[in-house]
């Protein structure tokens, strides 16, 4: 379904009050039902700023042939068709074009329905039917079009769209082709499409639906103790515009009610049904998969923390300072990866909002590396959301760069280390800047930390890293890192 492709207050449309625009959005959000029942295209025409009409929205039927193969939104109404459109807009009454017109090779009938808001028409819906390729109703057995006629009469007096229209559910609201029933004012089934009959058979009701009070049909099927939506009875009686869901022995079905009125009195309701069992099964499988993935990350985090604790204990028991230093560095690197897995264990997908995670990493690294002097750490910009692999690699890389800046560039002295991140659609650019003694270009690449950085940046992040001395009068080192595999 094509819908608004521009703001209604912009050219070519005349400005409309905000409340009227919301009313039109509700109409367009719900008019697919009328299109499918009528087997016709629906076009919303609004007055433009040049003494004419322009098409603001278009809906094609899912149950029959369309009239317009091309996108007609934004098109102006030909002057020869304006008199009837003005008649519908001014009179506020439904106008049927007595003459069929030709559109390409097709003969088209046209009914113009005014759309009132607060008693005044603000637009006109044209219901255009392709007469050249008329097909039989898909399961309607002749009752779809009378219901469509009643809905368009309700539209003309402001009773459609409904003031309380249900929001779209997780699986989408039921449509006419999914299954439809017509109830009388007492909630008794007058007509049911084949798909609706099949849906209720899957729920466990095998007798003919015709003549049955639907609420009395469904209630016995719901097992005692089962969770029942409090709106179920209201929907099954067709008393309010709402949608509910019922589950019986593993079969799930959504049901939507559209009350039908004439002269202000409710005459019955159109109910739309949709079997969503398979979608529910897939949804449960996905939830189970997400829970499993989160549990795996949680266990990995716990195992890494255990390894980290063992390394810390081993370092304390060693008398060799070199061994102690090596074990401490290994323990810090494992703790960084554990922090990333902790973040992953709290999400439903394999991605990390890295800004918050990096804040924890930066505090952890700064505390461990600057035990004998004060170093201020700053973070600016944003990393955005990163995949699990990129987050783990970047966490280790940045911890190494910050540690090197503190232990070497700011060795024995106070200073500041600033990390800045700039994220674009294709790449991430990070700079790590300190105001220490400055880098020695010849010594870069000799340490294990630098080798880890270069390896992870090239293999895991698909990028590059470069160390430079800051330009005088600034002192210290700046590291430029570019990552493309995010």
Protein backbone atom coordinates (compact mmCIF):
# COMPACT_ATOMS: atom_id res chain seq x y z
CA UNK A 1 0.00 0.00 0.00
CA UNK A 2 1.32 3.40 -0.99
CA UNK A 3 0.79 6.14 1.59
CA UNK A 4 1.74 9.73 2.31
CA UNK A 5 5.10 10.58 0.78
CA UNK A 6 5.22 14.15 2.02
CA UNK A 7 3.92 16.26 4.87
CA UNK A 8 0.33 17.32 4.28
CA UNK A 9 1.16 20.91 5.21
CA UNK A 10 3.63 21.17 2.35
CA UNK A 11 2.95 22.00 -1.28
CA UNK A 12 0.92 21.12 -3.22
CA UNK A 13 -1.61 20.51 -0.42
CA UNK A 14 -3.45 23.21 1.46
CA UNK A 15 -2.48 23.45 5.13
CA UNK A 16 -4.66 21.36 7.47
CA UNK A 17 -5.05 21.43 11.27
CA UNK A 18 -2.85 18.90 13.04
CA UNK A 19 -5.88 17.03 14.39
CA UNK A 20 -7.30 16.70 10.86
CA UNK A 21 -3.99 15.31 9.61
CA UNK A 22 -4.03 12.70 12.40
CA UNK A 23 -7.57 11.75 11.38
CA UNK A 24 -6.42 11.23 7.79
CA UNK A 25 -3.49 9.12 8.96
CA UNK A 26 -5.89 6.88 10.90
CA UNK A 27 -8.01 6.55 7.77
CA UNK A 28 -5.07 5.58 5.58
CA UNK A 29 -3.87 3.15 8.25
CA UNK A 30 -7.18 1.27 8.15
CA UNK A 31 -8.63 1.67 4.66
CA UNK A 32 -7.04 -1.51 3.27
CA UNK A 33 -10.11 -3.30 4.66
CA UNK A 34 -12.49 -1.29 2.47
CA UNK A 35 -10.21 -1.76 -0.53
CA UNK A 36 -10.18 -5.54 -0.10
CA UNK A 37 -13.92 -5.81 0.53
CA UNK A 38 -14.67 -3.60 -2.51
CA UNK A 39 -11.98 -5.13 -4.75
CA UNK A 40 -11.16 -1.55 -5.67
CA UNK A 41 -8.39 1.04 -5.50
CA UNK A 42 -8.81 3.79 -2.91
CA UNK A 43 -7.31 7.22 -3.56
CA UNK A 44 -7.33 10.11 -1.10
CA UNK A 45 -7.75 13.46 -2.86
CA UNK A 46 -7.03 16.71 -1.00
CA UNK A 47 -7.40 20.30 -2.11
CA UNK A 48 -4.16 21.77 -3.36
CA UNK A 49 -2.99 25.37 -3.35
CA UNK A 50 -3.76 25.91 -7.02
CA UNK A 51 -7.57 25.52 -7.09
CA UNK A 52 -7.57 21.80 -7.72
CA UNK A 53 -7.05 18.42 -6.10
CA UNK A 54 -3.93 16.28 -5.63
CA UNK A 55 -3.61 12.64 -4.65
CA UNK A 56 -2.23 12.24 -1.12
CA UNK A 57 -2.48 8.46 -0.69
CA UNK A 58 -3.30 5.33 -2.67
CA UNK A 59 -4.33 1.81 -1.67
CA UNK A 60 -4.54 -1.23 -3.96
CA UNK A 61 -6.77 -4.26 -3.25
CA UNK A 62 -5.25 -7.58 -2.26
CA UNK A 63 -8.40 -9.40 -3.43
CA UNK A 64 -8.76 -8.15 -6.99
CA UNK A 65 -7.15 -6.30 -9.92
CA UNK A 66 -5.80 -2.80 -9.48
CA UNK A 67 -6.69 0.23 -11.60
CA UNK A 68 -3.37 2.07 -11.34
CA UNK A 69 -0.15 0.22 -12.08
CA UNK A 70 1.91 3.39 -11.61
CA UNK A 71 2.43 5.46 -8.46
CA UNK A 72 -0.19 8.24 -8.57
CA UNK A 73 0.62 9.99 -5.29
CA UNK A 74 1.22 13.69 -5.95
CA UNK A 75 -0.67 13.68 -9.25
CA UNK A 76 -3.20 16.45 -9.88
CA UNK A 77 -6.80 15.63 -10.73
CA UNK A 78 -7.73 16.43 -14.37
CA UNK A 79 -10.01 19.46 -14.68
CA UNK A 80 -12.73 17.36 -16.33
CA UNK A 81 -13.12 15.30 -13.13
CA UNK A 82 -13.09 18.21 -10.69
CA UNK A 83 -16.84 19.07 -10.71
CA UNK A 84 -17.89 15.72 -9.20
CA UNK A 85 -15.04 15.91 -6.67
CA UNK A 86 -16.16 19.40 -5.62
CA UNK A 87 -19.75 18.19 -5.36
CA UNK A 88 -18.73 15.45 -2.91
CA UNK A 89 -16.54 17.84 -0.91
CA UNK A 90 -19.13 20.63 -0.68
CA UNK A 91 -22.26 18.50 -0.16
CA UNK A 92 -20.64 16.04 2.23
CA UNK A 93 -22.51 13.21 0.51
CA UNK A 94 -21.40 10.17 -1.44
CA UNK A 95 -21.38 10.81 -5.20
CA UNK A 96 -21.35 8.02 -7.77
CA UNK A 97 -20.00 8.87 -11.18
CA UNK A 98 -22.79 7.95 -13.66
CA UNK A 99 -20.27 7.54 -16.47
CA UNK A 100 -17.59 4.87 -16.54
CA UNK A 101 -14.24 6.18 -17.70
CA UNK A 102 -11.34 4.56 -19.48
CA UNK A 103 -7.94 4.20 -17.85
CA UNK A 104 -5.56 2.73 -20.38
CA UNK A 105 -7.37 -0.38 -21.68
CA UNK A 106 -9.59 -0.73 -18.58
CA UNK A 107 -13.11 0.48 -17.84
CA UNK A 108 -13.33 2.04 -14.37
CA UNK A 109 -16.29 2.87 -12.14
CA UNK A 110 -15.89 5.57 -9.51
CA UNK A 111 -17.57 6.38 -6.19
CA UNK A 112 -16.54 9.54 -4.33
CA UNK A 113 -16.79 9.48 -0.52
CA UNK A 114 -16.26 12.68 1.50
CA UNK A 115 -14.01 12.47 4.56
CA UNK A 116 -15.39 14.78 7.26
CA UNK A 117 -13.54 16.04 10.32
CA UNK A 118 -15.44 17.90 13.03
CA UNK A 119 -18.43 18.15 10.70
CA UNK A 120 -16.54 19.57 7.70
CA UNK A 121 -15.16 17.52 4.76
CA UNK A 122 -11.37 17.80 4.53
CA UNK A 123 -10.83 15.40 1.64
CA UNK A 124 -12.46 12.88 -0.69
CA UNK A 125 -11.77 9.16 -1.08
CA UNK A 126 -12.28 7.90 -4.62
CA UNK A 127 -13.19 4.21 -4.81
CA UNK A 128 -12.19 3.07 -8.29
CA UNK A 129 -13.09 -0.42 -9.55
CA UNK A 130 -11.49 -2.08 -12.56
CA UNK A 131 -14.52 -3.45 -14.43
CA UNK A 132 -12.48 -5.05 -17.21
CA UNK A 133 -11.11 -7.82 -14.99
CA UNK A 134 -13.78 -8.42 -12.38
CA UNK A 135 -13.37 -11.67 -10.46
CA UNK A 136 -15.60 -13.44 -7.98
CA UNK A 137 -15.27 -12.57 -4.32
CA UNK A 138 -12.52 -14.52 -2.61
CA UNK A 139 -14.59 -16.33 0.02
CA UNK A 140 -17.10 -13.51 0.38
CA UNK A 141 -20.03 -15.28 -1.32
CA UNK A 142 -21.59 -11.93 -2.13
CA UNK A 143 -21.55 -10.30 1.32
CA UNK A 144 -18.20 -8.46 1.10
CA UNK A 145 -19.45 -5.57 -1.04
CA UNK A 146 -22.54 -4.78 1.10
CA UNK A 147 -20.23 -4.57 4.12
CA UNK A 148 -17.88 -2.31 2.13
CA UNK A 149 -20.87 -0.12 1.24
CA UNK A 150 -21.78 0.20 4.92
CA UNK A 151 -18.19 1.10 5.86
CA UNK A 152 -18.00 3.83 3.22
CA UNK A 153 -21.34 5.21 4.45
CA UNK A 154 -19.80 5.31 7.93
CA UNK A 155 -16.77 7.09 6.45
CA UNK A 156 -19.02 9.75 4.89
CA UNK A 157 -20.54 10.67 8.29
CA UNK A 158 -17.28 10.46 10.27
CA UNK A 159 -17.77 7.08 11.96
CA UNK A 160 -14.88 5.47 10.06
CA UNK A 161 -12.00 5.39 10.83
CA UNK A 162 -12.76 4.52 14.45
CA UNK A 163 -11.54 6.83 17.18
CA UNK A 164 -9.98 3.86 18.97
CA UNK A 165 -8.12 1.95 16.29
CA UNK A 166 -5.85 -0.84 17.59
CA UNK A 167 -2.17 -0.47 16.96
CA UNK A 168 -0.48 -3.00 14.70
CA UNK A 169 0.35 -6.20 16.60
CA UNK A 170 3.64 -8.10 16.43
CA UNK A 171 2.35 -10.12 13.48
CA UNK A 172 0.30 -7.40 11.80
CA UNK A 173 -3.44 -6.91 12.09
CA UNK A 174 -5.69 -9.49 10.36
CA UNK A 175 -6.73 -8.71 6.80
CA UNK A 176 -9.81 -9.65 4.81
CA UNK A 177 -8.03 -12.40 2.90
CA UNK A 178 -6.84 -14.00 6.16
CA UNK A 179 -10.41 -14.74 7.27
CA UNK A 180 -13.60 -12.68 7.74
CA UNK A 181 -16.91 -13.11 9.57
CA UNK A 182 -20.06 -11.00 9.62
CA UNK A 183 -21.93 -10.83 12.95
CA UNK A 184 -25.38 -9.46 13.67
CA UNK A 185 -26.09 -7.08 16.56
CA UNK A 186 -26.31 -10.01 19.00
CA UNK A 187 -22.92 -11.43 18.03
CA UNK A 188 -24.39 -14.24 15.93
CA UNK A 189 -22.45 -15.37 12.83
CA UNK A 190 -24.28 -14.49 9.61
CA UNK A 191 -21.45 -15.18 7.15
CA UNK A 192 -17.93 -16.62 7.35
CA UNK A 193 -15.24 -16.86 4.69
CA UNK A 194 -13.52 -20.22 4.08
CA UNK A 195 -10.32 -19.05 5.72
CA UNK A 196 -12.22 -18.00 8.84
CA UNK A 197 -14.00 -21.38 8.99
CA UNK A 198 -10.65 -23.15 8.69
CA UNK A 199 -9.12 -21.00 11.44
CA UNK A 200 -11.89 -21.89 13.91
CA UNK A 201 -11.61 -25.56 12.99
CA UNK A 202 -7.95 -25.44 13.96
CA UNK A 203 -9.03 -23.98 17.29
CA UNK A 204 -11.21 -27.06 17.78
CA UNK A 205 -14.70 -25.99 16.66
CA UNK A 206 -15.83 -28.38 13.93
CA UNK A 207 -19.56 -27.53 13.58
CA UNK A 208 -20.83 -24.94 11.04
CA UNK A 209 -20.31 -21.38 12.30
CA UNK A 210 -23.45 -19.97 10.67
CA UNK A 211 -26.04 -19.05 13.28
CA UNK A 212 -23.69 -19.54 16.24
CA UNK A 213 -23.01 -16.81 18.82
CA UNK A 214 -19.25 -16.49 18.42
CA UNK A 215 -18.51 -15.76 22.08
CA UNK A 216 -20.29 -18.99 23.04
CA UNK A 217 -18.25 -20.86 20.42
CA UNK A 218 -14.83 -19.70 21.58
CA UNK A 219 -15.25 -19.61 25.38
CA UNK A 220 -15.60 -23.41 25.87
CA UNK A 221 -12.48 -23.97 23.74
CA UNK A 222 -10.24 -21.99 26.07
CA UNK A 223 -8.81 -24.35 28.68
CA UNK A 224 -9.54 -23.68 32.33
CA UNK A 225 -6.71 -21.73 33.93
CA UNK A 226 -5.45 -20.38 30.61
CA UNK A 227 -4.58 -16.71 30.32
CA UNK A 228 -7.42 -14.93 28.54
CA UNK A 229 -7.23 -11.40 27.15
CA UNK A 230 -9.75 -9.26 29.01
CA UNK A 231 -10.90 -7.76 25.70
CA UNK A 232 -11.78 -11.18 24.23
CA UNK A 233 -15.51 -11.05 25.00
CA UNK A 234 -15.87 -7.49 23.70
CA UNK A 235 -14.15 -8.41 20.42
CA UNK A 236 -16.09 -11.65 19.92
CA UNK A 237 -19.38 -9.77 20.34
CA UNK A 238 -18.20 -7.05 17.93
CA UNK A 239 -18.97 -4.28 20.39
CA UNK A 240 -15.74 -2.28 20.04
CA UNK A 241 -12.97 -1.64 17.53
CA UNK A 242 -10.18 -3.69 18.99
CA UNK A 243 -7.89 -6.67 18.41
CA UNK A 244 -7.26 -9.63 20.69
CA UNK A 245 -5.53 -12.99 20.57
CA UNK A 246 -6.71 -16.42 21.65
CA UNK A 247 -4.60 -19.54 22.07
CA UNK A 248 -6.10 -23.02 22.26
CA UNK A 249 -3.92 -26.14 22.52
CA UNK A 250 -0.97 -24.49 20.82
CA UNK A 251 -3.02 -22.82 18.08
CA UNK A 252 -2.86 -19.01 18.14
CA UNK A 253 -5.29 -16.70 16.34
CA UNK A 254 -5.67 -12.93 16.32
CA UNK A 255 -9.18 -11.53 16.00
CA UNK A 256 -10.12 -7.96 15.17
CA UNK A 257 -13.61 -6.47 15.47
CA UNK A 258 -14.96 -3.58 13.37
CA UNK A 259 -18.41 -2.53 14.62
CA UNK A 260 -20.91 -1.68 11.84
CA UNK A 261 -23.37 1.15 12.39
CA UNK A 262 -26.33 2.62 10.57
CA UNK A 263 -28.15 5.78 11.71
CA UNK A 264 -26.01 5.80 14.85
CA UNK A 265 -27.05 2.28 15.92
CA UNK A 266 -24.83 -0.79 15.87
CA UNK A 267 -26.16 -3.32 13.36
CA UNK A 268 -23.42 -5.89 13.73
CA UNK A 269 -19.69 -6.24 13.19
CA UNK A 270 -17.07 -7.38 10.75
CA UNK A 271 -14.53 -9.70 12.38
CA UNK A 272 -11.16 -10.42 10.79
CA UNK A 273 -9.14 -13.45 11.87
CA UNK A 274 -5.57 -14.53 11.28
CA UNK A 275 -3.87 -17.79 12.21
CA UNK A 276 -0.50 -16.78 13.70
CA UNK A 277 0.50 -20.19 15.09
CA UNK A 278 3.61 -20.60 12.94
CA UNK A 279 4.73 -17.07 13.69
CA UNK A 280 4.29 -17.67 17.41
CA UNK A 281 6.34 -20.87 17.17
CA UNK A 282 9.15 -19.04 15.34
CA UNK A 283 8.97 -16.20 17.86
CA UNK A 284 9.38 -18.65 20.76
CA UNK A 285 12.29 -20.31 18.97
CA UNK A 286 13.99 -16.95 18.49
CA UNK A 287 13.44 -16.04 22.14
CA UNK A 288 14.92 -19.38 23.16
CA UNK A 289 17.89 -18.80 20.84
CA UNK A 290 18.45 -15.29 22.21
CA UNK A 291 18.31 -16.62 25.77
CA UNK A 292 20.84 -19.33 24.90
CA UNK A 293 23.22 -16.82 23.33
CA UNK A 294 22.98 -14.54 26.37
CA UNK A 295 23.61 -17.52 28.65
CA UNK A 296 26.70 -18.48 26.61
CA UNK A 297 28.12 -14.95 26.90
CA UNK A 298 27.35 -14.97 30.63
CA UNK A 299 29.21 -18.26 31.11
CA UNK A 300 32.14 -17.08 28.98
CA UNK A 301 32.35 -13.96 31.14
CA UNK A 302 32.32 -16.06 34.32
CA UNK A 303 35.00 -18.40 32.95
CA UNK A 304 37.19 -15.48 31.89
CA UNK A 305 36.81 -13.91 35.31
CA UNK A 306 37.85 -17.22 36.86
CA UNK A 307 40.96 -17.33 34.64
CA UNK A 308 41.67 -13.71 35.54
CA UNK A 309 41.44 -14.52 39.26
CA UNK A 310 43.78 -17.52 38.83
CA UNK A 311 46.34 -15.34 37.02
CA UNK A 312 46.09 -12.71 39.75
CA UNK A 313 46.65 -15.35 42.43
CA UNK A 314 49.60 -16.81 40.51
CA UNK A 315 51.16 -13.37 40.17
CA UNK A 316 50.96 -12.81 43.93
CA UNK A 317 52.69 -16.12 44.62
CA UNK A 318 55.57 -15.44 42.24
CA UNK A 319 58.89 -14.00 43.45
CA UNK A 320 59.98 -12.98 39.96
CA UNK A 321 59.09 -9.37 39.08
CA UNK A 322 59.16 -10.12 35.35
CA UNK A 323 56.72 -12.99 35.80
CA UNK A 324 54.49 -10.85 38.00
CA UNK A 325 54.38 -8.12 35.36
CA UNK A 326 53.60 -10.57 32.54
CA UNK A 327 50.83 -12.27 34.54
CA UNK A 328 49.35 -8.89 35.49
CA UNK A 329 49.22 -7.83 31.84
CA UNK A 330 47.58 -11.13 30.85
CA UNK A 331 45.06 -10.74 33.67
CA UNK A 332 44.20 -7.20 32.52
CA UNK A 333 43.68 -8.30 28.89
CA UNK A 334 41.39 -11.14 29.90
CA UNK A 335 39.40 -8.79 32.16
CA UNK A 336 38.84 -6.49 29.19
CA UNK A 337 37.39 -9.34 27.08
CA UNK A 338 35.26 -10.45 30.04
CA UNK A 339 33.78 -6.95 30.28
CA UNK A 340 32.73 -7.10 26.61
CA UNK A 341 31.08 -10.50 27.13
CA UNK A 342 29.25 -9.08 30.14
CA UNK A 343 27.75 -6.42 27.87
CA UNK A 344 26.83 -9.05 25.27
CA UNK A 345 25.07 -11.15 27.90
CA UNK A 346 22.63 -8.28 28.48
CA UNK A 347 21.56 -7.77 24.84
CA UNK A 348 19.24 -9.70 22.53
CA UNK A 349 21.60 -9.58 19.56
CA UNK A 350 25.30 -9.93 18.85
CA UNK A 351 26.09 -6.23 19.22
CA UNK A 352 27.30 -3.86 21.92
CA UNK A 353 26.54 -0.20 22.59
CA UNK A 354 30.26 0.36 23.00
CA UNK A 355 30.26 3.84 24.58
CA UNK A 356 29.04 2.56 27.95
CA UNK A 357 31.29 -0.50 27.81
CA UNK A 358 34.35 1.59 26.96
CA UNK A 359 33.64 3.87 29.93
CA UNK A 360 34.05 0.85 32.22
CA UNK A 361 37.17 -0.30 30.36
CA UNK A 362 38.79 3.14 30.53
CA UNK A 363 38.27 3.38 34.29
CA UNK A 364 39.64 -0.17 34.77
CA UNK A 365 42.75 0.45 32.67
CA UNK A 366 43.52 3.88 34.14
CA UNK A 367 43.29 2.58 37.72
CA UNK A 368 45.55 -0.41 37.03
CA UNK A 369 48.20 1.49 35.02
CA UNK A 370 48.56 4.63 37.17
CA UNK A 371 48.95 3.27 40.69
CA UNK A 372 51.94 5.51 41.54
CA UNK A 373 50.80 8.82 39.93
CA UNK A 374 47.62 10.64 38.90
CA UNK A 375 46.49 10.50 35.28
CA UNK A 376 43.22 12.03 34.08
CA UNK A 377 41.35 10.13 31.34
CA UNK A 378 38.77 11.70 29.00
CA UNK A 379 36.45 10.24 26.38
CA UNK A 380 34.74 12.29 23.66
CA UNK A 381 32.63 11.39 20.63
CA UNK A 382 30.82 8.09 20.15
CA UNK A 383 31.66 4.57 18.98
CA UNK A 384 28.03 3.66 18.26
CA UNK A 385 26.99 0.01 18.16
CA UNK A 386 29.62 -2.60 17.34
CA UNK A 387 29.44 -6.30 16.53
CA UNK A 388 30.67 -8.80 19.12
CA UNK A 389 34.00 -9.54 17.38
CA UNK A 390 34.78 -5.88 16.72
CA UNK A 391 33.88 -4.90 20.29
CA UNK A 392 36.19 -7.51 21.82
CA UNK A 393 39.08 -6.60 19.53
CA UNK A 394 38.64 -2.85 19.94
CA UNK A 395 38.41 -3.21 23.71
CA UNK A 396 41.79 -4.95 23.85
CA UNK A 397 43.36 -2.51 21.36
CA UNK A 398 42.25 0.62 23.22
CA UNK A 399 43.23 -0.79 26.60
CA UNK A 400 46.74 -1.43 25.22
CA UNK A 401 47.00 2.07 23.76
CA UNK A 402 45.80 3.77 26.96
CA UNK A 403 48.07 1.58 29.09
CA UNK A 404 51.08 2.41 26.91
CA UNK A 405 50.27 6.12 27.11
CA UNK A 406 50.13 5.99 30.91
CA UNK A 407 53.06 3.65 31.54
CA UNK A 408 55.45 5.06 28.95
CA UNK A 409 54.35 8.52 27.79
CA UNK A 410 53.34 9.61 31.32
CA UNK A 411 55.72 7.44 33.29
CA UNK A 412 56.28 8.96 36.71
CA UNK A 413 54.37 12.15 35.92
CA UNK A 414 50.81 13.46 35.97
CA UNK A 415 48.96 14.18 32.75
CA UNK A 416 45.92 13.53 30.59
CA UNK A 417 44.97 10.80 28.15
CA UNK A 418 42.10 11.63 25.78
CA UNK A 419 40.24 9.14 23.61
CA UNK A 420 38.10 10.53 20.79
CA UNK A 421 35.83 8.45 18.55
CA UNK A 422 34.17 9.52 15.29
CA UNK A 423 31.75 7.07 13.69
CA UNK A 424 30.52 7.26 10.11
CA UNK A 425 28.52 4.77 8.08
CA UNK A 426 31.60 3.02 6.70
CA UNK A 427 34.34 3.47 9.27
CA UNK A 428 35.35 4.33 12.81
CA UNK A 429 38.19 6.77 13.49
CA UNK A 430 39.71 6.79 16.99
CA UNK A 431 42.52 8.97 18.33
CA UNK A 432 44.33 8.37 21.64
CA UNK A 433 46.25 11.47 22.74
CA UNK A 434 48.52 12.03 25.75
CA UNK A 435 50.59 15.03 26.90
CA UNK A 436 53.61 13.00 27.99
CA UNK A 437 57.20 12.82 26.83
CA UNK A 438 56.37 11.87 23.26
CA UNK A 439 56.93 8.69 21.30
CA UNK A 440 60.23 7.34 20.09
CA UNK A 441 59.52 6.25 16.51
CA UNK A 442 62.36 3.73 16.55
CA UNK A 443 60.99 1.91 19.62
CA UNK A 444 57.46 1.48 18.26
CA UNK A 445 56.64 -2.11 17.48
CA UNK A 446 59.11 -3.72 19.85
CA UNK A 447 56.73 -4.46 22.71
CA UNK A 448 54.11 -7.20 22.99
CA UNK A 449 51.33 -4.64 23.49
CA UNK A 450 52.14 -2.85 20.24
CA UNK A 451 52.28 -6.14 18.35
CA UNK A 452 48.87 -7.10 19.76
CA UNK A 453 47.46 -3.73 18.65
CA UNK A 454 48.79 -4.02 15.09
CA UNK A 455 47.63 -7.62 14.71
CA UNK A 456 44.08 -7.02 16.00
CA UNK A 457 43.61 -3.80 14.01
CA UNK A 458 44.62 -5.41 10.72
CA UNK A 459 43.00 -8.84 11.16
CA UNK A 460 39.88 -8.21 13.28
CA UNK A 461 39.06 -4.55 12.58
CA UNK A 462 40.15 -4.32 8.94
CA UNK A 463 41.96 -1.05 9.54
CA UNK A 464 45.25 0.67 10.28
CA UNK A 465 47.02 2.31 13.22
CA UNK A 466 49.72 4.99 13.30
CA UNK A 467 51.76 6.64 16.10
CA UNK A 468 52.91 10.28 15.81
CA UNK A 469 54.55 12.93 17.96
CA UNK A 470 52.27 15.88 18.63
CA UNK A 471 53.21 19.10 16.84
CA UNK A 472 54.81 21.82 19.00
CA UNK A 473 53.84 23.61 21.16
CA UNK A 474 51.81 20.51 22.12
CA UNK A 475 53.74 17.67 23.68
CA UNK A 476 53.11 13.98 23.83
CA UNK A 477 51.88 11.31 21.43
CA UNK A 478 48.78 10.84 19.30
CA UNK A 479 47.69 7.47 17.94
CA UNK A 480 45.37 7.39 14.91
CA UNK A 481 43.27 4.25 14.48
CA UNK A 482 40.92 3.57 11.58
CA UNK A 483 38.56 0.55 11.63
CA UNK A 484 36.24 -0.56 8.82
CA UNK A 485 35.09 -4.00 10.01
CA UNK A 486 32.46 -3.07 12.59
